[in-house]
Amino acid sequence: MHIIETRNIVKRFGELTAVDGVSFKVERGEFFGLLGPNGAGKTSIIRMIYGFSPVTSGAMEVFGLDIGTAWREIRSRVGVCQQENTLDPDLTVEQNLLLYARYFNLNGDGVRQRAEQQLAFFALLNKRQAKVMELSGGLARRLQLARALMADPELLILDEPTTGLDPQSRHQVWERLFALKKRGLTMLLTTHYMAEAESLCDRLVIMDHGRIIAEGRPRDLIAEHAAESVIEIEGPSEALKRYIRERDVKHDDLGERVIIYAAARGELENEVRKRFCRDTCLFRPGNLEDVFLRLTGRELRE
């Protein structure tokens, strides 16, 4: 059974079509990513998955249940970590966990034990009596994750969980997500950090203008749409541009910079290194950000 299955789902807001015929499946225990520029339709999809926003047309099943008729049961089995800080500022860290559990009719010693486990797992034991307003951004995000797990969900939805965090806090959150992944928890992630998606996701889709434009494993997408090796050249000469055009080399010409996609240590890389590179070349592995920019473009959007 698929944890999530969508078939040609559409979401409209008046005349605006935010999601336009999207189909994908998420397997049990999979860490699945939804990527795309702002306005691509990612948030609309996750709000439909946990029953916050109805599907305009198409079919969506979560845990094998129709989201249109079984949204209450589905919501009871889903944990959501939203991008916005939705913690209660008037309560302590521990009280935020205990109050959230009450929404699922959970109370008693078992809930306190569950809260203790979550505080330990997210390294928040020393902050249990602190008010939310006293927490740093990283600690608050870890508390949001702990709260989302209080009802022991079968599916965890992560809507840009590390936005606004410093690198140390971001990596601390990643470590907790890696640990949850090892436990076999099914997770759905939206993020603008391509390194985050590349590290965490087993499989992902890239969306633009409400439609899926690519789907697969991160390394497969890199091989297909970019390359295992990338050469960035500042101030490229006309001779270099002529060389890559004549050989139909996969590249992006950005005017004052050229990005060449090549096989690692292959003939093309060796030739470019020998003939055109002095101090202005950067050799690096291809990554998911290369894929994202090649598929969705580099121009600024409104």
Protein backbone atom coordinates (compact mmCIF):
# COMPACT_ATOMS: atom_id res chain seq x y z
CA MET A 1 0.00 0.00 0.00
CA HIS A 2 1.23 3.49 -0.88
CA ILE A 3 1.24 5.99 1.97
CA ILE A 4 0.30 8.75 -0.49
CA GLU A 5 -1.09 8.37 -4.00
CA THR A 6 -2.33 11.25 -6.11
CA ARG A 7 -3.91 10.92 -9.55
CA ASN A 8 -4.25 14.05 -11.70
CA ILE A 9 -5.04 16.28 -8.73
CA VAL A 10 -6.01 19.87 -9.43
CA LYS A 11 -6.29 22.77 -7.01
CA ARG A 12 -7.88 26.03 -8.11
CA PHE A 13 -8.34 29.29 -6.25
CA GLY A 14 -10.86 31.14 -8.38
CA GLU A 15 -9.26 31.59 -11.78
CA LEU A 16 -5.80 30.60 -10.50
CA THR A 17 -4.76 26.98 -11.00
CA ALA A 18 -2.16 26.30 -8.30
CA VAL A 19 -1.86 22.54 -8.95
CA ASP A 20 -2.49 21.31 -12.48
CA GLY A 21 -2.91 17.55 -12.90
CA VAL A 22 -0.23 16.19 -10.55
CA SER A 23 0.30 12.45 -10.00
CA PHE A 24 2.86 10.79 -7.71
CA LYS A 25 3.20 8.02 -5.12
CA VAL A 26 5.03 7.87 -1.81
CA GLU A 27 6.00 4.44 -0.46
CA ARG A 28 5.98 3.44 3.20
CA GLY A 29 9.28 4.36 4.88
CA GLU A 30 10.29 6.68 2.04
CA PHE A 31 11.72 10.18 2.46
CA PHE A 32 10.06 12.04 -0.41
CA GLY A 33 10.73 15.59 -1.56
CA LEU A 34 8.55 18.23 -3.22
CA LEU A 35 10.77 20.90 -4.77
CA GLY A 36 10.00 23.95 -6.84
CA PRO A 37 10.16 27.75 -6.96
CA ASN A 38 7.77 29.86 -4.92
CA GLY A 39 4.30 29.48 -6.39
CA ALA A 40 5.00 26.08 -7.93
CA GLY A 41 2.16 24.43 -5.97
CA LYS A 42 4.08 22.60 -3.22
CA THR A 43 2.29 24.09 -0.23
CA SER A 44 -1.09 23.63 -1.92
CA ILE A 45 -0.34 19.92 -2.28
CA ILE A 46 0.72 19.34 1.31
CA ARG A 47 -2.32 21.24 2.60
CA MET A 48 -4.50 18.90 0.57
CA ILE A 49 -2.63 15.87 1.93
CA TYR A 50 -3.45 16.63 5.57
CA GLY A 51 -7.00 17.71 4.81
CA PHE A 52 -6.61 21.45 5.37
CA SER A 53 -7.60 22.34 1.79
CA PRO A 54 -10.00 20.31 -0.39
CA VAL A 55 -8.96 18.84 -3.73
CA THR A 56 -10.67 20.62 -6.63
CA SER A 57 -10.56 17.56 -8.90
CA GLY A 58 -8.64 14.32 -9.31
CA ALA A 59 -8.08 11.62 -6.70
CA MET A 60 -5.89 11.57 -3.58
CA GLU A 61 -5.48 8.70 -1.15
CA VAL A 62 -3.48 8.76 2.08
CA PHE A 63 -2.99 5.42 3.90
CA GLY A 64 -5.26 3.98 1.20
CA LEU A 65 -8.11 6.27 2.32
CA ASP A 66 -9.89 8.88 0.21
CA ILE A 67 -8.91 12.32 1.48
CA GLY A 68 -12.34 13.66 0.56
CA THR A 69 -14.27 11.32 2.86
CA ALA A 70 -11.75 10.12 5.45
CA TRP A 71 -9.85 13.33 6.19
CA ARG A 72 -10.49 13.14 9.95
CA GLU A 73 -8.87 9.70 10.25
CA ILE A 74 -6.05 10.71 7.92
CA ARG A 75 -5.32 13.86 9.92
CA SER A 76 -5.14 11.83 13.14
CA ARG A 77 -2.31 9.76 11.63
CA VAL A 78 -0.27 12.66 10.20
CA GLY A 79 2.25 14.94 11.92
CA VAL A 80 2.92 18.37 10.42
CA CYS A 81 5.89 20.66 11.01
CA GLN A 82 4.92 23.94 9.41
CA GLN A 83 7.31 26.59 8.18
CA GLU A 84 5.79 29.22 10.47
CA ASN A 85 6.38 29.07 14.21
CA THR A 86 3.01 27.91 15.55
CA LEU A 87 4.16 27.18 19.11
CA ASP A 88 2.19 28.69 22.01
CA PRO A 89 4.41 31.48 23.39
CA ASP A 90 2.63 31.51 26.76
CA LEU A 91 3.50 27.88 27.53
CA THR A 92 6.74 26.16 28.43
CA VAL A 93 8.51 23.72 26.12
CA GLU A 94 7.04 20.72 27.94
CA GLN A 95 3.55 22.23 28.12
CA ASN A 96 3.53 22.76 24.35
CA LEU A 97 4.03 19.02 23.89
CA LEU A 98 1.43 17.98 26.46
CA LEU A 99 -1.21 20.38 25.20
CA TYR A 100 -0.71 19.23 21.60
CA ALA A 101 -1.23 15.62 22.67
CA ARG A 102 -4.64 16.59 24.11
CA TYR A 103 -5.81 17.44 20.59
CA PHE A 104 -5.46 13.73 19.85
CA ASN A 105 -7.25 12.72 23.08
CA LEU A 106 -3.96 11.58 24.57
CA ASN A 107 -3.27 12.14 28.26
CA GLY A 108 -1.99 10.42 31.37
CA ASP A 109 1.37 8.90 32.25
CA GLY A 110 1.87 7.54 28.74
CA VAL A 111 1.78 11.04 27.27
CA ARG A 112 4.25 12.37 29.82
CA GLN A 113 6.57 9.49 29.00
CA ARG A 114 6.18 10.29 25.30
CA ALA A 115 7.01 13.94 25.96
CA GLU A 116 10.08 12.87 27.92
CA GLN A 117 11.23 10.74 24.99
CA GLN A 118 10.78 13.59 22.53
CA LEU A 119 12.59 16.07 24.75
CA ALA A 120 15.50 13.66 25.02
CA PHE A 121 15.53 12.84 21.30
CA PHE A 122 15.66 16.51 20.31
CA ALA A 123 18.09 17.47 23.13
CA LEU A 124 15.55 19.72 24.86
CA LEU A 125 15.54 18.23 28.37
CA ASN A 126 17.38 21.21 29.84
CA LYS A 127 14.85 23.58 28.27
CA ARG A 128 11.68 21.81 29.40
CA GLN A 129 10.59 24.69 31.71
CA ALA A 130 11.70 27.47 29.36
CA LYS A 131 9.08 29.63 27.64
CA VAL A 132 8.98 29.46 23.85
CA MET A 133 10.00 33.13 23.56
CA GLU A 134 13.28 32.25 25.28
CA LEU A 135 14.27 29.72 22.61
CA SER A 136 16.61 30.32 19.71
CA GLY A 137 15.33 29.66 16.17
CA GLY A 138 17.02 26.25 16.07
CA LEU A 139 15.60 25.16 19.44
CA ALA A 140 12.12 26.33 18.46
CA ARG A 141 12.27 24.34 15.23
CA ARG A 142 13.37 21.23 17.13
CA LEU A 143 10.43 21.74 19.48
CA GLN A 144 8.06 22.00 16.51
CA LEU A 145 9.40 18.67 15.24
CA ALA A 146 9.03 17.10 18.68
CA ARG A 147 5.45 18.35 18.87
CA ALA A 148 4.62 16.97 15.41
CA LEU A 149 5.75 13.53 16.61
CA MET A 150 3.83 13.49 19.91
CA ALA A 151 0.93 11.46 18.49
CA ASP A 152 3.33 8.93 16.92
CA PRO A 153 2.29 9.71 13.31
CA GLU A 154 2.69 7.33 10.40
CA LEU A 155 3.49 10.24 8.08
CA LEU A 156 5.49 13.36 8.93
CA ILE A 157 5.08 16.41 6.68
CA LEU A 158 7.95 18.90 6.79
CA ASP A 159 7.21 22.28 5.19
CA GLU A 160 10.60 24.01 4.81
CA PRO A 161 11.73 22.83 8.26
CA THR A 162 15.10 24.64 8.29
CA THR A 163 14.21 27.97 6.68
CA GLY A 164 15.90 30.83 8.51
CA LEU A 165 18.21 28.64 10.58
CA ASP A 166 21.97 29.14 10.81
CA PRO A 167 24.19 26.33 9.43
CA GLN A 168 24.78 24.73 12.85
CA SER A 169 21.07 24.63 13.70
CA ARG A 170 20.22 23.37 10.23
CA HIS A 171 22.62 20.44 10.53
CA GLN A 172 21.28 19.61 14.01
CA VAL A 173 17.79 19.31 12.51
CA TRP A 174 19.18 17.18 9.65
CA GLU A 175 20.73 14.77 12.16
CA ARG A 176 17.36 14.28 13.86
CA LEU A 177 15.68 13.73 10.49
CA PHE A 178 18.35 11.18 9.52
CA ALA A 179 17.61 9.32 12.76
CA LEU A 180 13.86 9.32 12.02
CA LYS A 181 14.61 8.07 8.52
CA LYS A 182 16.55 5.13 9.96
CA ARG A 183 13.51 4.28 12.10
CA GLY A 184 11.48 3.88 8.91
CA LEU A 185 9.16 6.89 9.36
CA THR A 186 7.60 8.08 6.10
CA MET A 187 8.39 11.76 5.53
CA LEU A 188 7.37 14.35 2.95
CA LEU A 189 9.66 17.38 2.63
CA THR A 190 9.40 20.75 0.93
CA THR A 191 12.55 22.85 0.95
CA HIS A 192 14.48 25.51 -0.95
CA TYR A 193 17.80 24.08 0.23
CA MET A 194 18.89 21.73 -2.55
CA ALA A 195 21.68 20.25 -0.40
CA GLU A 196 19.01 19.35 2.15
CA ALA A 197 16.90 17.53 -0.43
CA GLU A 198 19.91 15.83 -1.98
CA SER A 199 21.10 14.53 1.41
CA LEU A 200 17.77 13.49 2.89
CA CYS A 201 15.45 12.42 0.08
CA ASP A 202 15.25 8.92 -1.34
CA ARG A 203 13.18 10.27 -4.21
CA LEU A 204 11.69 13.63 -5.18
CA VAL A 205 9.71 15.60 -7.72
CA ILE A 206 10.50 19.06 -9.07
CA MET A 207 7.48 21.23 -9.82
CA ASP A 208 6.97 24.45 -11.73
CA HIS A 209 3.76 26.32 -12.56
CA GLY A 210 1.68 23.66 -10.82
CA ARG A 211 3.06 20.68 -12.75
CA ILE A 212 5.75 18.05 -12.20
CA ILE A 213 8.68 18.59 -14.55
CA ALA A 214 11.06 15.92 -13.19
CA GLU A 215 10.88 12.95 -10.84
CA GLY A 216 13.44 10.45 -9.55
CA ARG A 217 16.31 9.81 -7.19
CA PRO A 218 18.61 12.80 -6.63
CA ARG A 219 21.70 11.21 -8.19
CA ASP A 220 19.68 9.98 -11.20
CA LEU A 221 18.30 13.47 -11.79
CA ILE A 222 21.79 14.94 -11.55
CA ALA A 223 23.09 12.45 -14.13
CA GLU A 224 20.15 13.09 -16.47
CA HIS A 225 19.81 16.87 -16.33
CA ALA A 226 23.28 18.07 -15.25
CA ALA A 227 26.40 15.89 -14.98
CA GLU A 228 28.64 14.21 -12.43
CA SER A 229 31.22 16.95 -12.99
CA VAL A 230 30.75 20.71 -13.47
CA ILE A 231 33.20 23.36 -14.65
CA GLU A 232 32.43 27.00 -13.89
CA ILE A 233 34.47 29.49 -15.93
CA GLU A 234 34.49 33.22 -15.19
CA GLY A 235 35.05 35.62 -18.07
CA PRO A 236 34.94 32.93 -20.80
CA SER A 237 36.79 33.64 -24.02
CA GLU A 238 35.15 33.53 -27.43
CA ALA A 239 37.44 30.61 -28.23
CA LEU A 240 35.96 28.62 -25.35
CA LYS A 241 32.38 29.49 -26.35
CA ARG A 242 33.12 28.45 -29.93
CA TYR A 243 34.72 25.21 -28.70
CA ILE A 244 31.69 24.10 -26.67
CA ARG A 245 29.21 25.15 -29.37
CA GLU A 246 31.02 23.24 -32.09
CA ARG A 247 31.09 20.08 -29.94
CA ASP A 248 27.49 20.49 -28.77
CA VAL A 249 28.63 20.39 -25.15
CA LYS A 250 25.91 20.57 -22.48
CA HIS A 251 26.36 23.99 -20.90
CA ASP A 252 24.73 27.19 -19.63
CA ASP A 253 26.03 30.47 -21.03
CA LEU A 254 25.35 33.20 -18.48
CA GLY A 255 27.32 35.90 -20.28
CA GLU A 256 30.15 36.58 -17.86
CA ARG A 257 30.16 32.96 -16.71
CA VAL A 258 29.86 29.62 -18.48
CA ILE A 259 28.87 26.41 -16.72
CA ILE A 260 29.93 23.21 -18.48
CA TYR A 261 28.49 19.80 -17.60
CA ALA A 262 30.88 16.93 -18.23
CA ALA A 263 31.91 13.43 -17.19
CA ALA A 264 34.34 13.45 -14.27
CA ARG A 265 37.95 13.25 -15.47
CA GLY A 266 36.68 12.64 -19.01
CA GLU A 267 38.18 13.87 -22.27
CA LEU A 268 36.11 17.07 -22.28
CA GLU A 269 37.10 18.05 -18.74
CA ASN A 270 40.77 17.36 -19.44
CA GLU A 271 40.67 19.37 -22.67
CA VAL A 272 38.95 22.37 -21.09
CA ARG A 273 41.34 22.25 -18.13
CA LYS A 274 44.38 22.23 -20.46
CA ARG A 275 43.27 24.81 -23.03
CA PHE A 276 41.00 27.29 -21.30
CA CYS A 277 41.59 27.26 -17.55
CA ARG A 278 44.06 29.27 -15.57
CA ASP A 279 42.82 30.99 -12.41
CA THR A 280 39.20 31.42 -13.41
CA CYS A 281 37.92 27.84 -13.41
CA LEU A 282 36.09 26.00 -10.65
CA PHE A 283 35.85 22.21 -10.88
CA ARG A 284 33.18 20.62 -8.67
CA PRO A 285 30.72 17.71 -8.58
CA GLY A 286 27.31 18.24 -10.14
CA ASN A 287 24.50 18.71 -7.62
CA LEU A 288 20.75 19.04 -7.32
CA GLU A 289 20.91 22.82 -7.48
CA ASP A 290 22.30 22.50 -11.02
CA VAL A 291 19.27 20.37 -11.93
CA PHE A 292 16.83 22.76 -10.28
CA LEU A 293 18.22 25.83 -12.06
CA ARG A 294 18.46 24.10 -15.44
CA LEU A 295 14.82 22.98 -15.24
CA THR A 296 13.18 26.03 -13.65
CA GLY A 297 15.45 28.81 -14.96
CA ARG A 298 17.65 31.44 -13.34
CA GLU A 299 15.56 34.54 -13.94
CA LEU A 300 14.01 36.54 -11.10
CA ARG A 301 10.27 36.00 -10.62
CA GLU A 302 7.56 38.21 -9.22
